Amino acid sequence: MNPAPPARARPAGRRFDPKYIPFLVPAIMAIAMSLVMSLVQTIARLGFAPNLASAWLTSFAIGAAVAIPTAILVAPSARRLAGHLTGTPPNSPPGNRQQAGSGERSQAEGSL
């Protein structure tokens, strides 16, 4: 029996610099949301018509052109609002976040 040939390392290909993550995440989410929402709205408006695909792609292109810059501009405010609503300090790594008041509660419980 012949041994399997050694696995070849896949080339990494083109990768974006991590500094672009604040732009990439909202852009990817905006594209996904536009794709789904434009399909649902196009079906609701036209039904399953013969020109559904072209109408959907036209609607998606317009929606994505609006959604991507909007998501990139709104993302920082949305992060701040989410942090405010959850009581997490800004710019803290996800693993180190504590719920608001959890430090005082644990100290009070230790003194009982």
N, C-alpha and C. Protein backbone atom coordinates (compact mmCIF):
# COMPACT_ATOMS: atom_id res chain seq x y z
N MET A 1 0.84 -1.17 0.00
CA MET A 1 0.00 0.00 0.00
C MET A 1 0.89 1.24 0.00
N ASN A 2 0.59 2.18 -0.86
CA ASN A 2 1.40 3.38 -0.98
C ASN A 2 0.96 4.41 0.06
N PRO A 3 1.92 5.04 0.72
CA PRO A 3 1.53 6.09 1.67
C PRO A 3 0.96 7.29 0.93
N ALA A 4 0.10 7.99 1.59
CA ALA A 4 -0.52 9.17 0.98
C ALA A 4 0.54 10.23 0.75
N PRO A 5 0.43 10.97 -0.34
CA PRO A 5 1.41 12.03 -0.58
C PRO A 5 1.27 13.11 0.49
N PRO A 6 2.35 13.79 0.80
CA PRO A 6 2.26 14.83 1.83
C PRO A 6 1.31 15.95 1.38
N ALA A 7 0.59 16.44 2.34
CA ALA A 7 -0.38 17.50 2.04
C ALA A 7 0.37 18.77 1.68
N ARG A 8 -0.11 19.42 0.66
CA ARG A 8 0.50 20.68 0.25
C ARG A 8 -0.16 21.82 1.00
N ALA A 9 0.66 22.74 1.41
CA ALA A 9 0.12 23.92 2.09
C ALA A 9 -0.59 24.79 1.06
N ARG A 10 -1.79 25.18 1.38
CA ARG A 10 -2.54 26.03 0.47
C ARG A 10 -1.98 27.44 0.54
N PRO A 11 -1.84 28.08 -0.60
CA PRO A 11 -1.35 29.46 -0.57
C PRO A 11 -2.36 30.36 0.13
N ALA A 12 -1.86 31.30 0.87
CA ALA A 12 -2.73 32.20 1.63
C ALA A 12 -3.55 33.09 0.71
N GLY A 13 -3.06 33.33 -0.48
CA GLY A 13 -3.79 34.21 -1.39
C GLY A 13 -3.70 35.65 -0.93
N ARG A 14 -4.51 36.46 -1.51
CA ARG A 14 -4.50 37.86 -1.13
C ARG A 14 -5.31 38.03 0.15
N ARG A 15 -4.75 38.69 1.07
CA ARG A 15 -5.41 38.95 2.35
C ARG A 15 -5.40 40.45 2.60
N PHE A 16 -6.44 40.92 3.27
CA PHE A 16 -6.48 42.32 3.65
C PHE A 16 -5.67 42.52 4.93
N ASP A 17 -5.15 43.68 5.09
CA ASP A 17 -4.45 44.05 6.31
C ASP A 17 -5.49 44.11 7.44
N PRO A 18 -5.16 43.61 8.63
CA PRO A 18 -6.14 43.64 9.74
C PRO A 18 -6.64 45.03 10.10
N LYS A 19 -5.92 46.06 9.70
CA LYS A 19 -6.38 47.42 10.02
C LYS A 19 -7.69 47.76 9.30
N TYR A 20 -8.05 46.96 8.28
CA TYR A 20 -9.29 47.21 7.54
C TYR A 20 -10.51 46.51 8.13
N ILE A 21 -10.35 45.79 9.23
CA ILE A 21 -11.48 45.07 9.84
C ILE A 21 -12.65 46.00 10.18
N PRO A 22 -12.40 47.21 10.73
CA PRO A 22 -13.55 48.09 11.02
C PRO A 22 -14.37 48.47 9.79
N PHE A 23 -13.79 48.33 8.60
CA PHE A 23 -14.53 48.62 7.37
C PHE A 23 -15.09 47.35 6.74
N LEU A 24 -14.35 46.26 6.86
CA LEU A 24 -14.77 45.01 6.22
C LEU A 24 -15.99 44.39 6.88
N VAL A 25 -16.02 44.35 8.21
CA VAL A 25 -17.14 43.70 8.91
C VAL A 25 -18.47 44.38 8.57
N PRO A 26 -18.59 45.71 8.71
CA PRO A 26 -19.87 46.32 8.33
C PRO A 26 -20.19 46.16 6.85
N ALA A 27 -19.17 46.19 5.99
CA ALA A 27 -19.42 46.04 4.55
C ALA A 27 -19.95 44.64 4.23
N ILE A 28 -19.35 43.62 4.83
CA ILE A 28 -19.81 42.24 4.61
C ILE A 28 -21.23 42.06 5.12
N MET A 29 -21.49 42.60 6.30
CA MET A 29 -22.85 42.48 6.85
C MET A 29 -23.86 43.24 6.00
N ALA A 30 -23.48 44.40 5.49
CA ALA A 30 -24.38 45.18 4.65
C ALA A 30 -24.69 44.44 3.35
N ILE A 31 -23.69 43.80 2.77
CA ILE A 31 -23.91 43.03 1.54
C ILE A 31 -24.86 41.87 1.80
N ALA A 32 -24.62 41.15 2.89
CA ALA A 32 -25.49 40.01 3.21
C ALA A 32 -26.92 40.47 3.47
N MET A 33 -27.07 41.52 4.24
CA MET A 33 -28.42 42.03 4.54
C MET A 33 -29.10 42.54 3.28
N SER A 34 -28.37 43.26 2.43
CA SER A 34 -28.96 43.77 1.19
C SER A 34 -29.39 42.65 0.27
N LEU A 35 -28.59 41.60 0.21
CA LEU A 35 -28.90 40.47 -0.65
C LEU A 35 -30.23 39.84 -0.23
N VAL A 36 -30.37 39.57 1.06
CA VAL A 36 -31.58 38.91 1.56
C VAL A 36 -32.79 39.85 1.51
N MET A 37 -32.60 41.07 1.98
CA MET A 37 -33.74 41.99 2.03
C MET A 37 -34.23 42.36 0.63
N SER A 38 -33.31 42.55 -0.31
CA SER A 38 -33.76 42.89 -1.66
C SER A 38 -34.51 41.73 -2.30
N LEU A 39 -34.09 40.49 -2.01
CA LEU A 39 -34.82 39.33 -2.54
C LEU A 39 -36.23 39.27 -1.97
N VAL A 40 -36.34 39.43 -0.66
CA VAL A 40 -37.66 39.38 -0.02
C VAL A 40 -38.56 40.49 -0.54
N GLN A 41 -38.03 41.70 -0.64
CA GLN A 41 -38.84 42.81 -1.12
C GLN A 41 -39.22 42.66 -2.58
N THR A 42 -38.32 42.12 -3.39
CA THR A 42 -38.62 41.93 -4.81
C THR A 42 -39.69 40.85 -4.98
N ILE A 43 -39.60 39.77 -4.22
CA ILE A 43 -40.64 38.73 -4.29
C ILE A 43 -41.98 39.28 -3.80
N ALA A 44 -41.96 40.07 -2.74
CA ALA A 44 -43.20 40.65 -2.22
C ALA A 44 -43.83 41.60 -3.24
N ARG A 45 -43.01 42.29 -4.00
CA ARG A 45 -43.52 43.26 -4.97
C ARG A 45 -43.95 42.60 -6.27
N LEU A 46 -43.13 41.66 -6.79
CA LEU A 46 -43.40 41.09 -8.11
C LEU A 46 -43.95 39.67 -8.07
N GLY A 47 -43.75 38.97 -6.94
CA GLY A 47 -44.05 37.55 -6.92
C GLY A 47 -42.95 36.81 -7.67
N PHE A 48 -43.19 35.58 -7.99
CA PHE A 48 -42.20 34.79 -8.73
C PHE A 48 -42.38 35.01 -10.23
N ALA A 49 -42.11 36.22 -10.66
CA ALA A 49 -42.27 36.61 -12.06
C ALA A 49 -41.08 36.14 -12.88
N PRO A 50 -41.23 36.08 -14.19
CA PRO A 50 -40.13 35.64 -15.04
C PRO A 50 -38.89 36.54 -14.95
N ASN A 51 -39.08 37.83 -14.65
CA ASN A 51 -37.95 38.74 -14.55
C ASN A 51 -37.46 38.93 -13.11
N LEU A 52 -37.75 37.97 -12.25
CA LEU A 52 -37.38 38.09 -10.83
C LEU A 52 -35.88 38.26 -10.65
N ALA A 53 -35.07 37.48 -11.33
CA ALA A 53 -33.62 37.55 -11.13
C ALA A 53 -33.06 38.92 -11.49
N SER A 54 -33.46 39.46 -12.63
CA SER A 54 -32.91 40.76 -13.02
C SER A 54 -33.43 41.88 -12.12
N ALA A 55 -34.70 41.80 -11.74
CA ALA A 55 -35.25 42.81 -10.83
C ALA A 55 -34.57 42.72 -9.46
N TRP A 56 -34.31 41.50 -9.00
CA TRP A 56 -33.66 41.31 -7.70
C TRP A 56 -32.24 41.86 -7.73
N LEU A 57 -31.47 41.54 -8.77
CA LEU A 57 -30.09 42.01 -8.83
C LEU A 57 -30.01 43.53 -8.96
N THR A 58 -30.96 44.13 -9.68
CA THR A 58 -31.01 45.59 -9.76
C THR A 58 -31.30 46.19 -8.39
N SER A 59 -32.28 45.62 -7.70
CA SER A 59 -32.62 46.09 -6.35
C SER A 59 -31.45 45.89 -5.40
N PHE A 60 -30.77 44.76 -5.51
CA PHE A 60 -29.62 44.49 -4.64
C PHE A 60 -28.50 45.49 -4.90
N ALA A 61 -28.22 45.80 -6.14
CA ALA A 61 -27.14 46.74 -6.46
C ALA A 61 -27.42 48.12 -5.86
N ILE A 62 -28.65 48.57 -5.97
CA ILE A 62 -29.02 49.87 -5.40
C ILE A 62 -28.94 49.81 -3.88
N GLY A 63 -29.48 48.74 -3.30
CA GLY A 63 -29.46 48.60 -1.85
C GLY A 63 -28.05 48.51 -1.28
N ALA A 64 -27.18 47.75 -1.95
CA ALA A 64 -25.81 47.60 -1.47
C ALA A 64 -25.04 48.92 -1.57
N ALA A 65 -25.30 49.67 -2.63
CA ALA A 65 -24.64 50.96 -2.80
C ALA A 65 -24.99 51.94 -1.68
N VAL A 66 -26.17 51.80 -1.13
CA VAL A 66 -26.59 52.64 -0.01
C VAL A 66 -26.18 52.00 1.33
N ALA A 67 -26.32 50.69 1.45
CA ALA A 67 -26.11 50.02 2.73
C ALA A 67 -24.65 49.97 3.16
N ILE A 68 -23.72 49.78 2.23
CA ILE A 68 -22.31 49.64 2.63
C ILE A 68 -21.78 50.92 3.27
N PRO A 69 -21.88 52.09 2.63
CA PRO A 69 -21.38 53.29 3.31
C PRO A 69 -22.16 53.62 4.58
N THR A 70 -23.47 53.34 4.57
CA THR A 70 -24.26 53.59 5.77
C THR A 70 -23.78 52.73 6.93
N ALA A 71 -23.55 51.44 6.67
CA ALA A 71 -23.09 50.54 7.73
C ALA A 71 -21.73 50.95 8.26
N ILE A 72 -20.83 51.36 7.37
CA ILE A 72 -19.49 51.78 7.80
C ILE A 72 -19.58 53.03 8.67
N LEU A 73 -20.46 53.95 8.31
CA LEU A 73 -20.60 55.19 9.08
C LEU A 73 -21.32 54.97 10.41
N VAL A 74 -22.28 54.05 10.44
CA VAL A 74 -23.09 53.85 11.64
C VAL A 74 -22.43 52.88 12.63
N ALA A 75 -21.55 52.01 12.17
CA ALA A 75 -20.96 50.96 13.02
C ALA A 75 -20.33 51.49 14.31
N PRO A 76 -19.50 52.55 14.29
CA PRO A 76 -18.93 53.01 15.56
C PRO A 76 -19.98 53.46 16.57
N SER A 77 -21.00 54.16 16.10
CA SER A 77 -22.06 54.60 17.02
C SER A 77 -22.85 53.40 17.54
N ALA A 78 -23.07 52.41 16.68
CA ALA A 78 -23.79 51.21 17.11
C ALA A 78 -22.98 50.45 18.16
N ARG A 79 -21.66 50.38 17.99
CA ARG A 79 -20.82 49.72 19.00
C ARG A 79 -20.88 50.45 20.34
N ARG A 80 -20.82 51.80 20.28
CA ARG A 80 -20.91 52.57 21.52
C ARG A 80 -22.26 52.38 22.19
N LEU A 81 -23.33 52.41 21.40
CA LEU A 81 -24.67 52.21 21.96
C LEU A 81 -24.80 50.82 22.57
N ALA A 82 -24.31 49.80 21.88
CA ALA A 82 -24.37 48.44 22.41
C ALA A 82 -23.56 48.33 23.71
N GLY A 83 -22.41 48.98 23.75
CA GLY A 83 -21.62 48.99 24.98
C GLY A 83 -22.34 49.69 26.11
N HIS A 84 -23.01 50.78 25.80
CA HIS A 84 -23.77 51.50 26.82
C HIS A 84 -24.94 50.66 27.33
N LEU A 85 -25.63 50.00 26.42
CA LEU A 85 -26.78 49.18 26.81
C LEU A 85 -26.38 47.95 27.61
N THR A 86 -25.18 47.42 27.36
CA THR A 86 -24.73 46.23 28.08
C THR A 86 -23.82 46.55 29.26
N GLY A 87 -23.44 47.82 29.39
CA GLY A 87 -22.60 48.20 30.51
C GLY A 87 -21.14 47.80 30.36
N THR A 88 -20.68 47.58 29.14
CA THR A 88 -19.28 47.23 28.93
C THR A 88 -18.48 48.48 28.64
N PRO A 89 -17.26 48.55 29.16
CA PRO A 89 -16.44 49.73 28.89
C PRO A 89 -16.01 49.75 27.42
N PRO A 90 -15.83 50.92 26.84
CA PRO A 90 -15.42 50.99 25.45
C PRO A 90 -14.01 50.46 25.25
N ASN A 91 -13.77 49.88 24.09
CA ASN A 91 -12.45 49.38 23.67
C ASN A 91 -11.87 48.31 24.57
N SER A 92 -12.69 47.57 25.29
CA SER A 92 -12.14 46.47 26.09
C SER A 92 -12.29 45.18 25.29
N PRO A 93 -11.30 44.29 25.38
CA PRO A 93 -11.40 43.03 24.64
C PRO A 93 -12.58 42.20 25.14
N PRO A 94 -13.22 41.42 24.27
CA PRO A 94 -14.42 40.68 24.67
C PRO A 94 -14.19 39.74 25.85
N GLY A 95 -13.02 39.15 26.00
CA GLY A 95 -12.77 38.22 27.09
C GLY A 95 -12.65 38.89 28.44
N ASN A 96 -12.33 40.19 28.46
CA ASN A 96 -12.12 40.89 29.72
C ASN A 96 -13.31 41.74 30.14
N ARG A 97 -14.38 41.66 29.41
CA ARG A 97 -15.55 42.48 29.74
C ARG A 97 -16.29 41.91 30.93
N GLN A 98 -16.74 42.79 31.79
CA GLN A 98 -17.53 42.39 32.94
C GLN A 98 -18.87 43.09 32.85
N GLN A 99 -19.86 42.47 33.43
CA GLN A 99 -21.15 43.12 33.48
C GLN A 99 -21.06 44.27 34.46
N ALA A 100 -21.87 45.29 34.22
CA ALA A 100 -21.87 46.45 35.11
C ALA A 100 -22.24 46.01 36.51
N GLY A 101 -21.45 46.42 37.47
CA GLY A 101 -21.74 46.12 38.86
C GLY A 101 -21.27 44.76 39.32
N SER A 102 -20.68 43.93 38.47
CA SER A 102 -20.30 42.60 38.89
C SER A 102 -19.13 42.65 39.88
N GLY A 103 -18.27 43.66 39.76
CA GLY A 103 -17.14 43.77 40.68
C GLY A 103 -17.61 44.08 42.09
N GLU A 104 -18.57 45.01 42.23
CA GLU A 104 -19.07 45.35 43.56
C GLU A 104 -19.81 44.17 44.18
N ARG A 105 -20.54 43.45 43.36
CA ARG A 105 -21.34 42.33 43.88
C ARG A 105 -20.42 41.25 44.44
N SER A 106 -19.33 40.94 43.71
CA SER A 106 -18.45 39.87 44.17
C SER A 106 -17.73 40.28 45.44
N GLN A 107 -17.40 41.59 45.60
CA GLN A 107 -16.77 42.03 46.83
C GLN A 107 -17.75 41.98 47.98
N ALA A 108 -19.01 42.34 47.73
CA ALA A 108 -20.00 42.31 48.79
C ALA A 108 -20.29 40.87 49.22
N GLU A 109 -20.31 39.95 48.27
CA GLU A 109 -20.57 38.57 48.60
C GLU A 109 -19.42 37.97 49.40
N GLY A 110 -18.19 38.44 49.15
CA GLY A 110 -17.04 37.92 49.88
C GLY A 110 -17.04 38.33 51.33
N SER A 111 -17.70 39.44 51.68
CA SER A 111 -17.69 39.89 53.06
C SER A 111 -18.80 39.27 53.90
N LEU A 112 -19.68 38.50 53.27
CA LEU A 112 -20.78 37.89 54.03
C LEU A 112 -20.35 36.75 54.85
